[in-house]
Amino acid sequence: MRNRRVLIVTGFVVVTAAVVLAIGPRRVADAYSSWASSLQESADEVPAAAYEPSRAVPGAEGILFVVTDESGAGVAFSIVTTATGGPGVLTVVPASLYDLLPGYGIFPLSDAMAFEGEDLALVSASNALGVRLDGAVAVSTTDLSTVLDDGVVVDLPNPLVAETEEGDLVRVAAEGELARSGEVLAALFVEAGDGDQLALLQRQAAAWEGVVRYLTANATVADRLVQRADGDTALLVGILAAIASSELEITVVPVDAVGSGEDEGFETAEDEVASFVARRLPHLALYDGPRPRAEILNGNGRLQTTRSAAEVLVRSGYRVVRTDNAENFDFDTTIVIAQGRENADAAGRAVTALGTGELRLELRAPSGIIDVSIIVGKDVPAGEG
């Protein structure tokens, strides 16, 4: 997948999961059933109260599962989660999701793997969605196709048609429920073919479902795969084992389609994401209610200062929307500014989370976009929260 570093235009329509409806060519809905017949639709029937309070659910775990290409770039992302008494949930996240990569700026999620690897991908996905992730695992398409070469059943909603070097169109994978070779499986995660990012996302969702169902049914194969993977592999094995004895729901995070052509991608729809997490992943929600929006500015000149502070705040339930440099690097003490009296509590909790900071209140011209501004001083060294 191409890395895209472009300014995103306004979203066209809301995408709420992974099935194209007749009401609009780019509209996607949460039903998912017209092109993935095995969807478990019981999520809305499970009372949310069964998962509350969200951060105290026995056995609730979530992991970011990443597929990388030969260059190491992330080409496919999913969140696999389980909780005692509830179904397993596989949530597909677009690799072309444009959001803040803390410490770097607005880039597609795929770039997180190139910048730092699965750790940055984890905090970026957690920040974008507001969910707790306990670890991350990355596996290459080469290793995925080698280990799963005996054929994973994937029910494709649309065929994968690619263009050859000579300009001819070749069908790489037919639509429908078929056993796929390792080579075809890898292509489903990587190749956009002659379609758009939405068609690719649909095929990736189908491929993720086939892979996870196969791994949960074949523990020895899962063990072989994690031996080739990087990250919290023991956690992934445990979650797959838990899912093997429960139902599995497949869904796609709500996003807005943005851009066109080579600049095509997705953005999170903030209100839709909050509703989605409350409905589908309440056991992993980082915060009850709208997350306070925070900006983090580097006021000490040390590398990775905003990155490390952002990770602490994301885990504490904040939505970090900006990381940048302060007006200078001469701040000895971290400054935490509440943008308006109504955000004083959120600013105070940020001081507690960081373990340091001088609390201030902006009343004359508070930001209407940011709730809490943080200028990280020399009392927070790089790499420490």
Protein backbone atom coordinates (compact mmCIF):
# COMPACT_ATOMS: atom_id res chain seq x y z
CA MET A 1 0.00 0.00 0.00
CA ARG A 2 1.29 3.45 -0.84
CA ASN A 3 2.20 5.76 2.01
CA ARG A 4 0.31 9.02 1.62
CA ARG A 5 1.40 12.25 3.27
CA VAL A 6 -1.27 14.64 2.03
CA LEU A 7 -3.78 16.99 3.55
CA ILE A 8 -7.13 15.28 3.81
CA VAL A 9 -10.26 16.88 2.37
CA THR A 10 -13.68 16.86 3.95
CA GLY A 11 -15.31 13.44 4.29
CA PHE A 12 -17.83 12.40 1.70
CA VAL A 13 -20.09 9.97 3.54
CA VAL A 14 -20.07 8.09 6.80
CA VAL A 15 -18.76 4.54 6.67
CA THR A 16 -20.08 2.48 9.55
CA ALA A 17 -18.80 -1.03 8.77
CA ALA A 18 -18.40 -3.21 5.73
CA VAL A 19 -21.26 -3.82 3.33
CA VAL A 20 -22.12 -1.58 0.38
CA LEU A 21 -25.74 -0.51 0.30
CA ALA A 22 -27.81 0.46 -2.69
CA ILE A 23 -28.48 3.88 -1.17
CA GLY A 24 -25.02 5.11 -2.12
CA PRO A 25 -21.93 3.70 -3.84
CA ARG A 26 -19.59 4.75 -1.01
CA ARG A 27 -21.93 4.11 1.92
CA VAL A 28 -21.08 1.21 4.18
CA ALA A 29 -23.26 -0.15 6.97
CA ASP A 30 -22.91 -2.10 10.19
CA ALA A 31 -24.87 -5.11 8.92
CA TYR A 32 -21.95 -6.64 6.98
CA SER A 33 -24.16 -9.58 6.03
CA SER A 34 -24.61 -9.15 2.27
CA TRP A 35 -20.99 -10.12 1.59
CA ALA A 36 -19.99 -12.07 4.70
CA SER A 37 -22.68 -14.60 5.50
CA SER A 38 -20.96 -15.86 8.63
CA LEU A 39 -21.28 -12.58 10.55
CA GLN A 40 -22.40 -13.03 14.12
CA GLU A 41 -25.08 -10.38 14.65
CA SER A 42 -25.56 -10.95 18.36
CA ALA A 43 -23.56 -7.90 19.51
CA ASP A 44 -26.55 -5.63 19.81
CA GLU A 45 -28.40 -8.31 21.77
CA VAL A 46 -25.75 -8.46 24.50
CA PRO A 47 -26.69 -6.00 27.26
CA ALA A 48 -24.02 -3.33 27.68
CA ALA A 49 -24.44 -3.69 31.45
CA ALA A 50 -22.84 -7.12 31.19
CA TYR A 51 -19.56 -5.38 30.40
CA GLU A 52 -19.68 -2.49 32.89
CA PRO A 53 -17.64 -1.01 34.37
CA SER A 54 -15.58 -1.26 31.19
CA ARG A 55 -12.13 -1.34 32.76
CA ALA A 56 -13.03 -3.97 35.36
CA VAL A 57 -14.28 -6.76 33.12
CA PRO A 58 -12.78 -10.12 34.13
CA GLY A 59 -10.73 -11.52 31.28
CA ALA A 60 -11.18 -8.51 28.99
CA GLU A 61 -8.21 -8.25 26.65
CA GLY A 62 -7.53 -6.61 23.32
CA ILE A 63 -4.62 -6.82 20.91
CA LEU A 64 -3.69 -4.99 17.71
CA PHE A 65 -2.96 -7.54 14.97
CA VAL A 66 -0.93 -6.11 12.06
CA VAL A 67 0.06 -7.51 8.68
CA THR A 68 3.14 -5.91 7.09
CA ASP A 69 4.49 -6.03 3.55
CA GLU A 70 8.05 -6.79 2.46
CA SER A 71 9.16 -3.23 3.26
CA GLY A 72 7.79 -3.42 6.80
CA ALA A 73 4.90 -1.01 6.20
CA GLY A 74 1.58 -1.89 7.78
CA VAL A 75 -0.90 -3.00 5.12
CA ALA A 76 -3.72 -4.42 7.27
CA PHE A 77 -4.81 -3.79 10.86
CA SER A 78 -7.36 -5.42 13.13
CA ILE A 79 -8.21 -5.43 16.82
CA VAL A 80 -8.93 -8.84 18.30
CA THR A 81 -10.63 -8.78 21.68
CA THR A 82 -12.32 -11.07 24.13
CA ALA A 83 -14.01 -10.83 27.52
CA THR A 84 -15.25 -13.50 29.87
CA GLY A 85 -18.94 -14.10 29.26
CA GLY A 86 -18.99 -12.22 25.97
CA PRO A 87 -18.20 -12.98 22.34
CA GLY A 88 -14.86 -12.47 20.68
CA VAL A 89 -14.81 -9.39 18.47
CA LEU A 90 -12.65 -8.86 15.40
CA THR A 91 -12.61 -5.18 14.41
CA VAL A 92 -10.98 -4.22 11.12
CA VAL A 93 -9.17 -0.86 11.02
CA PRO A 94 -8.18 0.67 7.66
CA ALA A 95 -4.44 0.93 7.05
CA SER A 96 -5.20 4.16 5.17
CA LEU A 97 -6.84 5.68 8.27
CA TYR A 98 -5.47 9.21 8.58
CA ASP A 99 -5.03 10.26 12.19
CA LEU A 100 -2.43 11.60 14.59
CA LEU A 101 0.66 9.46 14.99
CA PRO A 102 1.80 10.96 18.32
CA GLY A 103 5.11 12.75 17.98
CA TYR A 104 4.96 12.78 14.17
CA GLY A 105 1.76 14.39 12.92
CA ILE A 106 -1.17 13.36 10.74
CA PHE A 107 -0.29 10.31 8.64
CA PRO A 108 -2.03 7.09 7.60
CA LEU A 109 -1.87 4.36 10.21
CA SER A 110 0.26 2.30 7.81
CA ASP A 111 3.16 4.73 8.37
CA ALA A 112 3.29 3.97 12.11
CA MET A 113 4.99 0.67 11.36
CA ALA A 114 7.63 2.39 9.22
CA PHE A 115 8.27 5.11 11.82
CA GLU A 116 8.53 2.96 14.96
CA GLY A 117 6.79 -0.36 14.58
CA GLU A 118 3.92 -1.95 16.44
CA ASP A 119 4.32 0.18 19.60
CA LEU A 120 3.51 3.41 17.75
CA ALA A 121 0.75 1.65 15.82
CA LEU A 122 -0.77 0.54 19.12
CA VAL A 123 -0.85 3.98 20.76
CA SER A 124 -2.05 5.59 17.51
CA ALA A 125 -4.94 3.14 17.09
CA SER A 126 -5.81 3.40 20.77
CA ASN A 127 -5.86 7.20 20.50
CA ALA A 128 -7.98 7.19 17.34
CA LEU A 129 -10.61 4.83 18.72
CA GLY A 130 -10.53 5.37 22.48
CA VAL A 131 -9.98 1.71 23.34
CA ARG A 132 -7.51 0.01 25.64
CA LEU A 133 -5.08 -2.25 23.79
CA ASP A 134 -2.98 -4.62 25.87
CA GLY A 135 -0.41 -5.39 23.19
CA ALA A 136 0.36 -5.61 19.48
CA VAL A 137 1.62 -8.31 17.12
CA ALA A 138 2.98 -7.85 13.60
CA VAL A 139 3.43 -10.59 11.01
CA SER A 140 4.64 -10.25 7.43
CA THR A 141 2.63 -11.31 4.41
CA THR A 142 5.46 -13.71 3.56
CA ASP A 143 5.24 -15.50 6.90
CA LEU A 144 1.44 -15.39 6.87
CA SER A 145 1.25 -17.01 3.43
CA THR A 146 3.91 -19.60 4.30
CA VAL A 147 2.31 -20.78 7.52
CA LEU A 148 -1.25 -20.72 6.14
CA ASP A 149 -0.38 -22.16 2.73
CA ASP A 150 -2.71 -25.15 3.09
CA GLY A 151 -5.71 -22.96 2.35
CA VAL A 152 -7.79 -20.58 4.44
CA VAL A 153 -11.47 -20.28 3.53
CA VAL A 154 -12.28 -16.66 2.67
CA ASP A 155 -15.71 -15.50 1.56
CA LEU A 156 -14.89 -12.55 -0.73
CA PRO A 157 -17.56 -9.89 -1.32
CA ASN A 158 -15.90 -8.81 -4.57
CA PRO A 159 -13.18 -10.29 -6.80
CA LEU A 160 -9.60 -9.07 -6.73
CA VAL A 161 -8.70 -7.96 -10.25
CA ALA A 162 -5.18 -6.64 -10.83
CA GLU A 163 -3.40 -5.09 -13.77
CA THR A 164 -0.31 -6.79 -15.18
CA GLU A 165 2.82 -4.95 -16.34
CA GLU A 166 1.51 -5.28 -19.88
CA GLY A 167 -1.71 -3.51 -18.90
CA ASP A 168 -3.95 -6.57 -18.96
CA LEU A 169 -6.50 -7.22 -16.20
CA VAL A 170 -6.16 -10.55 -14.41
CA ARG A 171 -8.50 -12.00 -11.81
CA VAL A 172 -6.30 -12.88 -8.85
CA ALA A 173 -9.11 -14.07 -6.59
CA ALA A 174 -12.73 -14.85 -7.39
CA GLU A 175 -15.57 -13.69 -5.19
CA GLY A 176 -17.40 -16.18 -3.01
CA GLU A 177 -16.48 -18.67 -0.30
CA LEU A 178 -13.35 -20.53 -1.39
CA ALA A 179 -10.15 -21.96 0.09
CA ARG A 180 -7.33 -19.55 -0.79
CA SER A 181 -3.66 -20.32 -1.28
CA GLY A 182 -1.07 -18.53 0.81
CA GLU A 183 -0.07 -16.39 -2.16
CA VAL A 184 -3.65 -15.29 -2.79
CA LEU A 185 -4.23 -14.69 0.91
CA ALA A 186 -1.27 -12.30 1.00
CA ALA A 187 -2.58 -10.49 -2.07
CA LEU A 188 -5.97 -9.96 -0.43
CA PHE A 189 -4.29 -7.97 2.34
CA VAL A 190 -2.00 -5.95 0.08
CA GLU A 191 -3.42 -5.44 -3.40
CA ALA A 192 -5.99 -2.76 -4.14
CA GLY A 193 -6.31 -4.11 -7.68
CA ASP A 194 -8.54 -2.14 -10.00
CA GLY A 195 -10.83 -1.12 -7.14
CA ASP A 196 -10.72 1.64 -4.55
CA GLN A 197 -9.79 1.69 -0.87
CA LEU A 198 -13.32 0.70 0.10
CA ALA A 199 -13.17 -2.47 -2.03
CA LEU A 200 -9.76 -3.27 -0.53
CA LEU A 201 -11.13 -2.76 2.99
CA GLN A 202 -14.00 -5.14 2.25
CA ARG A 203 -11.65 -7.85 1.00
CA GLN A 204 -9.32 -7.34 3.96
CA ALA A 205 -12.23 -7.75 6.37
CA ALA A 206 -13.15 -11.04 4.70
CA ALA A 207 -9.51 -12.17 4.79
CA TRP A 208 -9.16 -11.22 8.47
CA GLU A 209 -12.27 -13.26 9.28
CA GLY A 210 -10.91 -16.29 7.43
CA VAL A 211 -7.48 -16.04 9.08
CA VAL A 212 -8.72 -15.55 12.66
CA ARG A 213 -11.33 -18.30 12.38
CA TYR A 214 -8.65 -20.62 10.98
CA LEU A 215 -6.19 -19.78 13.76
CA THR A 216 -8.77 -20.25 16.52
CA ALA A 217 -9.61 -23.68 15.12
CA ASN A 218 -5.96 -24.72 14.65
CA ALA A 219 -3.88 -23.99 17.75
CA THR A 220 -0.75 -25.65 16.37
CA VAL A 221 -0.85 -23.45 13.28
CA ALA A 222 -1.34 -20.38 15.48
CA ASP A 223 1.74 -21.39 17.48
CA ARG A 224 3.80 -21.69 14.29
CA LEU A 225 2.64 -18.29 13.09
CA VAL A 226 3.46 -16.44 16.31
CA GLN A 227 6.97 -17.90 16.25
CA ARG A 228 7.53 -15.78 13.13
CA ALA A 229 5.74 -12.70 14.49
CA ASP A 230 6.97 -9.71 16.48
CA GLY A 231 5.35 -8.27 19.60
CA ASP A 232 3.13 -9.66 22.33
CA THR A 233 2.71 -13.09 20.77
CA ALA A 234 1.78 -14.86 24.03
CA LEU A 235 -1.14 -12.46 24.44
CA LEU A 236 -2.35 -13.19 20.91
CA VAL A 237 -2.22 -16.94 21.52
CA GLY A 238 -4.25 -16.50 24.71
CA ILE A 239 -6.89 -14.37 23.02
CA LEU A 240 -7.21 -16.79 20.10
CA ALA A 241 -7.63 -19.66 22.55
CA ALA A 242 -10.38 -17.75 24.38
CA ILE A 243 -12.18 -16.96 21.13
CA ALA A 244 -12.08 -20.63 20.12
CA SER A 245 -14.61 -21.40 22.85
CA SER A 246 -16.92 -18.43 22.15
CA GLU A 247 -18.75 -16.69 19.34
CA LEU A 248 -16.84 -14.39 16.99
CA GLU A 249 -18.24 -11.11 15.68
CA ILE A 250 -16.71 -9.38 12.66
CA THR A 251 -17.05 -5.64 12.20
CA VAL A 252 -15.26 -2.58 10.82
CA VAL A 253 -14.54 0.63 12.70
CA PRO A 254 -16.72 3.58 11.61
CA VAL A 255 -14.82 5.92 9.30
CA ASP A 256 -15.43 8.60 6.68
CA ALA A 257 -14.09 8.06 3.18
CA VAL A 258 -11.91 11.02 2.14
CA GLY A 259 -9.86 12.03 -0.87
CA SER A 260 -9.80 10.32 -4.25
CA GLY A 261 -7.41 8.40 -6.47
CA GLU A 262 -3.96 8.01 -4.95
CA ASP A 263 -4.99 10.33 -2.10
CA GLU A 264 -7.95 8.19 -1.08
CA GLY A 265 -8.21 7.09 2.53
CA PHE A 266 -10.35 7.29 5.65
CA GLU A 267 -10.83 9.44 8.74
CA THR A 268 -12.52 8.53 12.01
CA ALA A 269 -16.02 9.84 12.54
CA GLU A 270 -15.72 10.94 16.17
CA ASP A 271 -19.38 10.61 17.20
CA GLU A 272 -19.81 7.34 15.35
CA VAL A 273 -16.64 5.90 16.88
CA ALA A 274 -17.79 6.71 20.42
CA SER A 275 -21.14 5.04 19.76
CA PHE A 276 -19.41 2.08 18.10
CA VAL A 277 -17.11 1.49 21.08
CA ALA A 278 -20.00 1.76 23.53
CA ARG A 279 -21.95 -0.81 21.53
CA ARG A 280 -19.27 -3.22 20.30
CA LEU A 281 -16.24 -2.80 22.58
CA PRO A 282 -17.53 -1.41 25.89
CA HIS A 283 -15.19 -3.73 27.80
CA LEU A 284 -12.18 -1.91 26.29
CA ALA A 285 -13.42 1.70 26.49
CA LEU A 286 -10.76 4.02 27.91
CA TYR A 287 -13.18 6.67 29.15
CA ASP A 288 -16.84 6.97 30.03
CA GLY A 289 -18.23 9.75 27.87
CA PRO A 290 -16.52 12.12 25.41
CA ARG A 291 -12.74 12.06 25.85
CA PRO A 292 -11.04 15.36 26.75
CA ARG A 293 -9.13 16.70 23.73
CA ALA A 294 -5.48 17.45 24.42
CA GLU A 295 -2.57 19.06 22.59
CA ILE A 296 1.00 18.32 23.68
CA LEU A 297 3.83 20.73 22.91
CA ASN A 298 7.54 20.01 23.31
CA GLY A 299 8.94 22.65 25.65
CA ASN A 300 12.24 20.97 26.53
CA GLY A 301 13.78 20.20 23.13
CA ARG A 302 14.31 16.51 23.85
CA LEU A 303 13.41 13.90 21.26
CA GLN A 304 10.28 11.78 21.83
CA THR A 305 9.00 14.07 24.58
CA THR A 306 5.55 14.54 23.04
CA ARG A 307 5.42 10.89 22.00
CA SER A 308 5.97 9.56 25.53
CA ALA A 309 3.60 12.09 27.13
CA ALA A 310 0.93 11.28 24.54
CA GLU A 311 1.11 7.59 25.39
CA VAL A 312 0.48 8.33 29.06
CA LEU A 313 -2.47 10.59 28.28
CA VAL A 314 -4.04 8.21 25.77
CA ARG A 315 -3.96 5.40 28.35
CA SER A 316 -5.58 7.82 30.80
CA GLY A 317 -8.55 8.43 28.49
CA TYR A 318 -7.55 11.59 26.61
CA ARG A 319 -7.94 12.14 22.88
CA VAL A 320 -4.62 13.63 21.77
CA VAL A 321 -5.35 15.71 18.68
CA ARG A 322 -2.03 17.53 18.23
CA THR A 323 1.66 17.14 19.04
CA ASP A 324 4.12 19.88 18.11
CA ASN A 325 6.92 22.10 19.37
CA ALA A 326 6.30 24.89 21.86
CA GLU A 327 7.39 28.47 21.12
CA ASN A 328 10.72 27.67 22.77
CA PHE A 329 12.53 24.86 24.59
CA ASP A 330 13.18 26.74 27.84
CA PHE A 331 10.36 25.32 29.96
CA ASP A 332 11.83 23.88 33.16
CA THR A 333 8.43 22.85 34.48
CA THR A 334 5.57 21.22 32.59
CA ILE A 335 2.60 23.55 32.15
CA VAL A 336 -0.91 22.09 31.97
CA ILE A 337 -3.53 24.60 30.84
CA ALA A 338 -7.28 24.12 31.22
CA GLN A 339 -8.95 25.78 28.23
CA GLY A 340 -11.87 27.25 30.13
CA ARG A 341 -13.16 26.67 33.63
CA GLU A 342 -15.21 23.68 32.50
CA ASN A 343 -11.98 21.83 31.66
CA ALA A 344 -10.23 22.39 34.99
CA ASP A 345 -10.96 18.86 36.16
CA ALA A 346 -9.60 17.33 32.95
CA ALA A 347 -6.44 19.43 33.30
CA GLY A 348 -6.01 18.38 36.91
CA ARG A 349 -6.28 14.72 35.97
CA ALA A 350 -3.64 15.28 33.28
CA VAL A 351 -1.24 16.57 35.92
CA THR A 352 -1.91 13.45 37.97
CA ALA A 353 -1.38 11.17 34.97
CA LEU A 354 1.91 12.83 34.04
CA GLY A 355 3.08 12.90 37.64
CA THR A 356 4.18 16.51 37.35
CA GLY A 357 3.05 19.89 36.04
CA GLU A 358 1.94 23.37 36.98
CA LEU A 359 -1.82 23.77 36.55
CA ARG A 360 -3.10 26.94 34.90
CA LEU A 361 -6.51 28.17 33.75
CA GLU A 362 -7.14 30.02 30.47
CA LEU A 363 -10.22 32.24 30.83
CA ARG A 364 -9.65 35.19 28.50
CA ALA A 365 -9.51 33.31 25.18
CA PRO A 366 -9.98 29.57 25.72
CA SER A 367 -9.71 27.31 22.72
CA GLY A 368 -12.93 25.99 21.30
CA ILE A 369 -11.16 22.96 19.88
CA ILE A 370 -8.71 21.92 22.61
CA ASP A 371 -9.76 21.14 26.18
CA VAL A 372 -6.30 20.79 27.71
CA SER A 373 -2.97 22.22 26.48
CA ILE A 374 0.25 20.70 27.80
CA ILE A 375 3.73 22.18 27.38
CA VAL A 376 6.15 19.46 28.41
CA GLY A 377 9.07 20.86 30.39
CA LYS A 378 12.45 19.54 31.44
CA ASP A 379 10.86 17.77 34.40
CA VAL A 380 9.60 15.13 31.93
CA PRO A 381 12.62 13.56 30.18
CA ALA A 382 12.19 11.92 26.80
CA GLY A 383 10.95 8.36 26.99
CA GLU A 384 9.32 8.88 30.37
CA GLY A 385 5.76 9.70 31.19
